Amino acid sequence: MHVTAAQWRVFHDYVGRAERLLGDAVAIDPGNAAAWTQRIVTARALGLEPQEARRRYDKAAEHCDVPYVAQAQFIQNLCPKWGGSTKAMHGFAQECLKAGPPGTLAGAVVADAHMEHAFTSNLLDRIRDHLHQRKVRDELGAAAARTVLHAGFEPWHGWVAAHSAFAFALYEGGDMPRSARHFAALGNRMKPYGWEMMSNTWKSDFRHAGRTTGAR
């Protein structure tokens, strides 16, 4: 997408204002996990050093029992398109999975990492090539079993986004039986990200995918 110099100045001004307001918020309440999470976003937009983005993630995680939303944001900072690498993304996702208690969303970012890895290519076949790998599907299945499909799992803020990521990655990877469980959990809920990257008819595509897996 082409951005004019004038548009960039406006964007940078808004991001700068958001950064200042969020900085004030955590100065008043250092335990404000939501503000720390949004500061991960502004760190990305302002092009701050990776160490600073990680510091902000650590602050968010310190003050939140299940920092899935912060994890998903930090995965974005680690994407190649923002100067990171697929190795860094997967390393962080596995770190979250191993450190988080079973039956929580901690570690569901394994699906986000694989989605972003797939999206390093703009070609649909290449996107699916990554997700079709046996190792990738098994990794997704293991992460889902420890998080959103664990017997002790209870829905928490971000659960729709997590199930949507698993449903998308497994469906596009050709793993219908595993993806069906996520479609069944979602019902008519979903997060567009992922689906909207594949086509302009993502709403009907999502419904069709659910029916194809037998979940509906």
C-alpha atoms as a PDB file:
ATOM      1  CA  MET A   1       0.000   0.000   0.000  1.00  0.00           C
ATOM      2  CA  HIS A   2       1.336   3.413  -0.974  1.00  0.00           C
ATOM      3  CA  VAL A   3       1.253   6.084   1.726  1.00  0.00           C
ATOM      4  CA  THR A   4       1.861   9.712   0.872  1.00  0.00           C
ATOM      5  CA  ALA A   5       4.170  11.892   2.931  1.00  0.00           C
ATOM      6  CA  ALA A   6       1.161  13.814   4.249  1.00  0.00           C
ATOM      7  CA  GLN A   7      -0.629  10.612   5.265  1.00  0.00           C
ATOM      8  CA  TRP A   8       2.495   9.377   7.008  1.00  0.00           C
ATOM      9  CA  ARG A   9       2.789  12.613   9.002  1.00  0.00           C
ATOM     10  CA  VAL A  10      -0.836  12.303  10.150  1.00  0.00           C
ATOM     11  CA  PHE A  11      -0.336   8.644  11.075  1.00  0.00           C
ATOM     12  CA  HIS A  12       2.871   9.388  12.961  1.00  0.00           C
ATOM     13  CA  ASP A  13       1.128  12.220  14.828  1.00  0.00           C
ATOM     14  CA  TYR A  14      -1.705   9.935  15.952  1.00  0.00           C
ATOM     15  CA  VAL A  15       0.708   7.203  17.022  1.00  0.00           C
ATOM     16  CA  GLY A  16       2.791   9.722  18.947  1.00  0.00           C
ATOM     17  CA  ARG A  17      -0.290  10.974  20.780  1.00  0.00           C
ATOM     18  CA  ALA A  18      -1.322   7.400  21.594  1.00  0.00           C
ATOM     19  CA  GLU A  19       2.162   6.654  22.889  1.00  0.00           C
ATOM     20  CA  ARG A  20       2.070   9.673  25.196  1.00  0.00           C
ATOM     21  CA  LEU A  21      -1.400   8.822  26.546  1.00  0.00           C
ATOM     22  CA  LEU A  22      -0.465   5.189  27.134  1.00  0.00           C
ATOM     23  CA  GLY A  23       2.760   6.291  28.797  1.00  0.00           C
ATOM     24  CA  ASP A  24       0.704   8.441  31.162  1.00  0.00           C
ATOM     25  CA  ALA A  25      -1.613   5.482  31.835  1.00  0.00           C
ATOM     26  CA  VAL A  26       1.182   3.150  32.940  1.00  0.00           C
ATOM     27  CA  ALA A  27       2.829   5.933  34.950  1.00  0.00           C
ATOM     28  CA  ILE A  28      -0.418   6.302  36.914  1.00  0.00           C
ATOM     29  CA  ASP A  29      -1.007   2.540  37.110  1.00  0.00           C
ATOM     30  CA  PRO A  30       2.093   0.415  36.362  1.00  0.00           C
ATOM     31  CA  GLY A  31      -0.085  -2.698  36.590  1.00  0.00           C
ATOM     32  CA  ASN A  32      -2.355  -1.677  33.698  1.00  0.00           C
ATOM     33  CA  ALA A  33      -1.869  -4.735  31.458  1.00  0.00           C
ATOM     34  CA  ALA A  34      -4.200  -3.385  28.744  1.00  0.00           C
ATOM     35  CA  ALA A  35      -2.135  -0.213  28.401  1.00  0.00           C
ATOM     36  CA  TRP A  36       1.129  -2.178  28.293  1.00  0.00           C
ATOM     37  CA  THR A  37      -0.402  -4.377  25.572  1.00  0.00           C
ATOM     38  CA  GLN A  38      -1.296  -1.352  23.464  1.00  0.00           C
ATOM     39  CA  ARG A  39       2.220   0.006  23.991  1.00  0.00           C
ATOM     40  CA  ILE A  40       3.479  -3.089  22.142  1.00  0.00           C
ATOM     41  CA  VAL A  41       1.454  -1.815  19.167  1.00  0.00           C
ATOM     42  CA  THR A  42       2.820   1.720  19.394  1.00  0.00           C
ATOM     43  CA  ALA A  43       6.362   0.351  19.727  1.00  0.00           C
ATOM     44  CA  ARG A  44       5.821  -1.406  16.416  1.00  0.00           C
ATOM     45  CA  ALA A  45       4.309   1.636  14.731  1.00  0.00           C
ATOM     46  CA  LEU A  46       7.116   3.897  15.941  1.00  0.00           C
ATOM     47  CA  GLY A  47       9.836   1.443  14.911  1.00  0.00           C
ATOM     48  CA  LEU A  48      11.267   1.138  18.418  1.00  0.00           C
ATOM     49  CA  GLU A  49      13.982  -1.400  19.194  1.00  0.00           C
ATOM     50  CA  PRO A  50      12.868  -5.049  19.645  1.00  0.00           C
ATOM     51  CA  GLN A  51      14.179  -4.990  23.220  1.00  0.00           C
ATOM     52  CA  GLU A  52      11.750  -2.187  24.077  1.00  0.00           C
ATOM     53  CA  ALA A  53       8.811  -4.077  22.581  1.00  0.00           C
ATOM     54  CA  ARG A  54       9.842  -7.138  24.592  1.00  0.00           C
ATOM     55  CA  ARG A  55      10.043  -5.038  27.768  1.00  0.00           C
ATOM     56  CA  ARG A  56       6.496  -3.863  27.182  1.00  0.00           C
ATOM     57  CA  TYR A  57       5.304  -7.411  26.583  1.00  0.00           C
ATOM     58  CA  ASP A  58       6.978  -8.574  29.804  1.00  0.00           C
ATOM     59  CA  LYS A  59       5.202  -5.783  31.703  1.00  0.00           C
ATOM     60  CA  ALA A  60       1.842  -6.792  30.229  1.00  0.00           C
ATOM     61  CA  ALA A  61       2.467 -10.459  31.069  1.00  0.00           C
ATOM     62  CA  GLU A  62       3.569  -9.590  34.594  1.00  0.00           C
ATOM     63  CA  HIS A  63       0.191  -8.025  35.327  1.00  0.00           C
ATOM     64  CA  CYS A  64      -2.106 -10.436  33.465  1.00  0.00           C
ATOM     65  CA  ASP A  65      -2.802 -14.062  34.316  1.00  0.00           C
ATOM     66  CA  VAL A  66      -3.415 -14.996  30.670  1.00  0.00           C
ATOM     67  CA  PRO A  67      -1.605 -12.504  28.389  1.00  0.00           C
ATOM     68  CA  TYR A  68      -2.741 -14.030  25.085  1.00  0.00           C
ATOM     69  CA  VAL A  69      -3.691 -10.676  23.545  1.00  0.00           C
ATOM     70  CA  ALA A  70      -0.268  -9.268  24.439  1.00  0.00           C
ATOM     71  CA  GLN A  71       1.388 -12.403  23.051  1.00  0.00           C
ATOM     72  CA  ALA A  72      -0.503 -12.081  19.777  1.00  0.00           C
ATOM     73  CA  GLN A  73       0.558  -8.442  19.489  1.00  0.00           C
ATOM     74  CA  PHE A  74       4.193  -9.222  20.237  1.00  0.00           C
ATOM     75  CA  ILE A  75       4.166 -11.951  17.568  1.00  0.00           C
ATOM     76  CA  GLN A  76       3.414  -9.152  15.110  1.00  0.00           C
ATOM     77  CA  ASN A  77       6.502  -7.256  16.273  1.00  0.00           C
ATOM     78  CA  LEU A  78       8.561 -10.382  15.586  1.00  0.00           C
ATOM     79  CA  CYS A  79       7.224 -10.851  12.023  1.00  0.00           C
ATOM     80  CA  PRO A  80       9.666 -10.512   9.114  1.00  0.00           C
ATOM     81  CA  LYS A  81       7.497  -7.680   7.742  1.00  0.00           C
ATOM     82  CA  TRP A  82       8.358  -5.684  10.891  1.00  0.00           C
ATOM     83  CA  GLY A  83      12.049  -6.561  10.848  1.00  0.00           C
ATOM     84  CA  GLY A  84      11.849  -9.839  12.761  1.00  0.00           C
ATOM     85  CA  SER A  85      12.183 -13.440  11.604  1.00  0.00           C
ATOM     86  CA  THR A  86      10.154 -16.645  11.459  1.00  0.00           C
ATOM     87  CA  LYS A  87      12.656 -18.208  13.861  1.00  0.00           C
ATOM     88  CA  ALA A  88      12.005 -15.475  16.427  1.00  0.00           C
ATOM     89  CA  MET A  89       8.233 -15.864  16.062  1.00  0.00           C
ATOM     90  CA  HIS A  90       8.246 -19.617  16.565  1.00  0.00           C
ATOM     91  CA  GLY A  91      10.748 -19.385  19.406  1.00  0.00           C
ATOM     92  CA  PHE A  92       8.537 -16.935  21.279  1.00  0.00           C
ATOM     93  CA  ALA A  93       5.378 -18.976  20.615  1.00  0.00           C
ATOM     94  CA  GLN A  94       6.988 -22.138  21.991  1.00  0.00           C
ATOM     95  CA  GLU A  95       8.245 -20.175  24.990  1.00  0.00           C
ATOM     96  CA  CYS A  96       4.660 -19.102  25.735  1.00  0.00           C
ATOM     97  CA  LEU A  97       3.341 -22.637  25.278  1.00  0.00           C
ATOM     98  CA  LYS A  98       5.865 -24.196  27.634  1.00  0.00           C
ATOM     99  CA  ALA A  99       5.597 -21.512  30.305  1.00  0.00           C
ATOM    100  CA  GLY A 100       1.806 -21.184  30.344  1.00  0.00           C
ATOM    101  CA  PRO A 101      -0.450 -23.364  32.506  1.00  0.00           C
ATOM    102  CA  PRO A 102      -2.351 -26.054  30.549  1.00  0.00           C
ATOM    103  CA  GLY A 103      -5.979 -25.190  29.924  1.00  0.00           C
ATOM    104  CA  THR A 104      -5.333 -21.497  29.323  1.00  0.00           C
ATOM    105  CA  LEU A 105      -4.768 -19.383  26.209  1.00  0.00           C
ATOM    106  CA  ALA A 106      -1.052 -19.059  27.006  1.00  0.00           C
ATOM    107  CA  GLY A 107       0.611 -20.721  24.049  1.00  0.00           C
ATOM    108  CA  ALA A 108      -2.284 -20.419  21.602  1.00  0.00           C
ATOM    109  CA  VAL A 109       0.006 -18.000  19.742  1.00  0.00           C
ATOM    110  CA  VAL A 110       1.600 -21.064  18.142  1.00  0.00           C
ATOM    111  CA  ALA A 111      -1.270 -20.754  15.636  1.00  0.00           C
ATOM    112  CA  ASP A 112      -0.623 -17.025  15.154  1.00  0.00           C
ATOM    113  CA  ALA A 113       3.061 -17.713  14.501  1.00  0.00           C
ATOM    114  CA  HIS A 114       2.285 -20.298  11.824  1.00  0.00           C
ATOM    115  CA  MET A 115      -0.262 -18.014  10.195  1.00  0.00           C
ATOM    116  CA  GLU A 116       2.288 -15.216  10.015  1.00  0.00           C
ATOM    117  CA  HIS A 117       4.953 -17.609   8.729  1.00  0.00           C
ATOM    118  CA  ALA A 118       2.574 -18.676   5.965  1.00  0.00           C
ATOM    119  CA  PHE A 119       1.778 -15.035   5.147  1.00  0.00           C
ATOM    120  CA  THR A 120       5.435 -14.244   4.460  1.00  0.00           C
ATOM    121  CA  SER A 121       4.411 -15.329   0.958  1.00  0.00           C
ATOM    122  CA  ASN A 122       1.742 -13.456  -0.976  1.00  0.00           C
ATOM    123  CA  LEU A 123       0.938 -16.522  -3.089  1.00  0.00           C
ATOM    124  CA  LEU A 124      -2.022 -18.633  -1.953  1.00  0.00           C
ATOM    125  CA  ASP A 125      -0.335 -21.917  -2.891  1.00  0.00           C
ATOM    126  CA  ARG A 126       2.785 -20.992  -0.914  1.00  0.00           C
ATOM    127  CA  ILE A 127       0.658 -20.031   2.093  1.00  0.00           C
ATOM    128  CA  ARG A 128      -1.010 -23.434   2.008  1.00  0.00           C
ATOM    129  CA  ASP A 129       2.302 -25.214   1.392  1.00  0.00           C
ATOM    130  CA  HIS A 130       3.559 -24.126   4.797  1.00  0.00           C
ATOM    131  CA  LEU A 131       0.365 -25.066   6.624  1.00  0.00           C
ATOM    132  CA  HIS A 132       0.114 -28.445   4.853  1.00  0.00           C
ATOM    133  CA  GLN A 133       3.373 -29.690   6.343  1.00  0.00           C
ATOM    134  CA  ARG A 134       2.834 -32.647   8.712  1.00  0.00           C
ATOM    135  CA  LYS A 135       5.150 -31.124  11.300  1.00  0.00           C
ATOM    136  CA  VAL A 136       3.185 -27.872  11.267  1.00  0.00           C
ATOM    137  CA  ARG A 137      -0.204 -29.568  11.598  1.00  0.00           C
ATOM    138  CA  ASP A 138       1.056 -31.716  14.457  1.00  0.00           C
ATOM    139  CA  GLU A 139       2.499 -28.663  16.195  1.00  0.00           C
ATOM    140  CA  LEU A 140      -0.840 -26.892  15.852  1.00  0.00           C
ATOM    141  CA  GLY A 141      -2.698 -29.939  17.146  1.00  0.00           C
ATOM    142  CA  ALA A 142      -0.434 -30.244  20.185  1.00  0.00           C
ATOM    143  CA  ALA A 143      -0.762 -26.528  20.987  1.00  0.00           C
ATOM    144  CA  ALA A 144      -4.553 -26.672  20.687  1.00  0.00           C
ATOM    145  CA  ALA A 145      -4.710 -29.731  22.949  1.00  0.00           C
ATOM    146  CA  ARG A 146      -2.790 -27.848  25.647  1.00  0.00           C
ATOM    147  CA  THR A 147      -4.782 -24.625  25.293  1.00  0.00           C
ATOM    148  CA  VAL A 148      -8.285 -24.153  23.846  1.00  0.00           C
ATOM    149  CA  LEU A 149      -9.109 -27.881  23.574  1.00  0.00           C
ATOM    150  CA  HIS A 150      -7.773 -28.826  27.008  1.00  0.00           C
ATOM    151  CA  ALA A 151     -10.371 -30.430  29.316  1.00  0.00           C
ATOM    152  CA  GLY A 152      -9.899 -27.666  31.876  1.00  0.00           C
ATOM    153  CA  PHE A 153     -10.153 -24.766  29.426  1.00  0.00           C
ATOM    154  CA  GLU A 154     -12.581 -21.975  30.245  1.00  0.00           C
ATOM    155  CA  PRO A 155     -13.219 -19.140  27.753  1.00  0.00           C
ATOM    156  CA  TRP A 156     -11.116 -16.057  28.471  1.00  0.00           C
ATOM    157  CA  HIS A 157     -10.712 -12.748  26.699  1.00  0.00           C
ATOM    158  CA  GLY A 158      -9.223 -13.628  23.310  1.00  0.00           C
ATOM    159  CA  TRP A 159     -10.662 -17.133  23.036  1.00  0.00           C
ATOM    160  CA  VAL A 160     -12.517 -16.364  19.782  1.00  0.00           C
ATOM    161  CA  ALA A 161      -9.329 -15.043  18.177  1.00  0.00           C
ATOM    162  CA  ALA A 162      -7.411 -18.127  19.336  1.00  0.00           C
ATOM    163  CA  HIS A 163      -9.977 -20.620  18.018  1.00  0.00           C
ATOM    164  CA  SER A 164     -10.200 -18.640  14.756  1.00  0.00           C
ATOM    165  CA  ALA A 165      -6.434 -18.844  14.288  1.00  0.00           C
ATOM    166  CA  PHE A 166      -6.399 -22.602  14.885  1.00  0.00           C
ATOM    167  CA  ALA A 167      -9.442 -23.142  12.647  1.00  0.00           C
ATOM    168  CA  PHE A 168      -7.866 -21.139   9.825  1.00  0.00           C
ATOM    169  CA  ALA A 169      -4.398 -22.688  10.030  1.00  0.00           C
ATOM    170  CA  LEU A 170      -5.652 -26.256  10.245  1.00  0.00           C
ATOM    171  CA  TYR A 171      -8.325 -25.817   7.570  1.00  0.00           C
ATOM    172  CA  GLU A 172      -5.944 -24.205   5.089  1.00  0.00           C
ATOM    173  CA  GLY A 173      -3.480 -26.947   5.981  1.00  0.00           C
ATOM    174  CA  GLY A 174      -6.004 -29.568   4.898  1.00  0.00           C
ATOM    175  CA  ASP A 175      -6.555 -31.003   8.385  1.00  0.00           C
ATOM    176  CA  MET A 176     -10.360 -31.158   8.416  1.00  0.00           C
ATOM    177  CA  PRO A 177     -10.855 -33.342  11.530  1.00  0.00           C
ATOM    178  CA  ARG A 178      -8.734 -31.101  13.746  1.00  0.00           C
ATOM    179  CA  SER A 179     -10.109 -27.855  12.352  1.00  0.00           C
ATOM    180  CA  ALA A 180     -13.706 -29.083  12.862  1.00  0.00           C
ATOM    181  CA  ARG A 181     -13.343 -28.904  16.641  1.00  0.00           C
ATOM    182  CA  HIS A 182     -12.445 -25.227  16.432  1.00  0.00           C
ATOM    183  CA  PHE A 183     -15.312 -24.424  14.065  1.00  0.00           C
ATOM    184  CA  ALA A 184     -17.683 -26.207  16.426  1.00  0.00           C
ATOM    185  CA  ALA A 185     -16.399 -24.157  19.378  1.00  0.00           C
ATOM    186  CA  LEU A 186     -16.754 -20.906  17.429  1.00  0.00           C
ATOM    187  CA  GLY A 187     -20.287 -21.359  16.146  1.00  0.00           C
ATOM    188  CA  ASN A 188     -21.013 -18.117  14.264  1.00  0.00           C
ATOM    189  CA  ARG A 189     -18.220 -16.220  15.982  1.00  0.00           C
ATOM    190  CA  MET A 190     -14.870 -15.570  14.344  1.00  0.00           C
ATOM    191  CA  LYS A 191     -11.993 -13.154  13.946  1.00  0.00           C
ATOM    192  CA  PRO A 192     -11.634 -12.093  10.289  1.00  0.00           C
ATOM    193  CA  TYR A 193      -7.823 -11.979  10.305  1.00  0.00           C
ATOM    194  CA  GLY A 194      -6.437 -14.787   8.229  1.00  0.00           C
ATOM    195  CA  TRP A 195      -9.649 -15.402   6.353  1.00  0.00           C
ATOM    196  CA  GLU A 196      -9.729 -11.877   4.930  1.00  0.00           C
ATOM    197  CA  MET A 197      -6.145 -12.310   3.739  1.00  0.00           C
ATOM    198  CA  MET A 198      -7.221 -15.135   1.432  1.00  0.00           C
ATOM    199  CA  SER A 199     -10.219 -13.570  -0.338  1.00  0.00           C
ATOM    200  CA  ASN A 200     -12.720 -10.724  -0.386  1.00  0.00           C
ATOM    201  CA  THR A 201     -15.547 -13.144   0.424  1.00  0.00           C
ATOM    202  CA  TRP A 202     -14.159 -14.222   3.789  1.00  0.00           C
ATOM    203  CA  LYS A 203     -17.521 -14.299   5.572  1.00  0.00           C
ATOM    204  CA  SER A 204     -19.035 -16.839   3.202  1.00  0.00           C
ATOM    205  CA  ASP A 205     -15.680 -18.642   2.988  1.00  0.00           C
ATOM    206  CA  PHE A 206     -15.674 -19.067   6.763  1.00  0.00           C
ATOM    207  CA  ARG A 207     -19.192 -20.496   6.756  1.00  0.00           C
ATOM    208  CA  HIS A 208     -18.346 -22.800   3.853  1.00  0.00           C
ATOM    209  CA  ALA A 209     -15.194 -24.000   5.616  1.00  0.00           C
ATOM    210  CA  GLY A 210     -17.200 -24.883   8.717  1.00  0.00           C
ATOM    211  CA  ARG A 211     -19.686 -26.882   6.662  1.00  0.00           C
ATOM    212  CA  THR A 212     -16.882 -28.625   4.768  1.00  0.00           C
ATOM    213  CA  THR A 213     -15.356 -29.910   8.011  1.00  0.00           C
ATOM    214  CA  GLY A 214     -18.731 -31.212   9.163  1.00  0.00           C
ATOM    215  CA  ALA A 215     -18.836 -28.850  12.146  1.00  0.00           C
ATOM    216  CA  ARG A 216     -22.142 -27.309  10.942  1.00  0.00           C
END
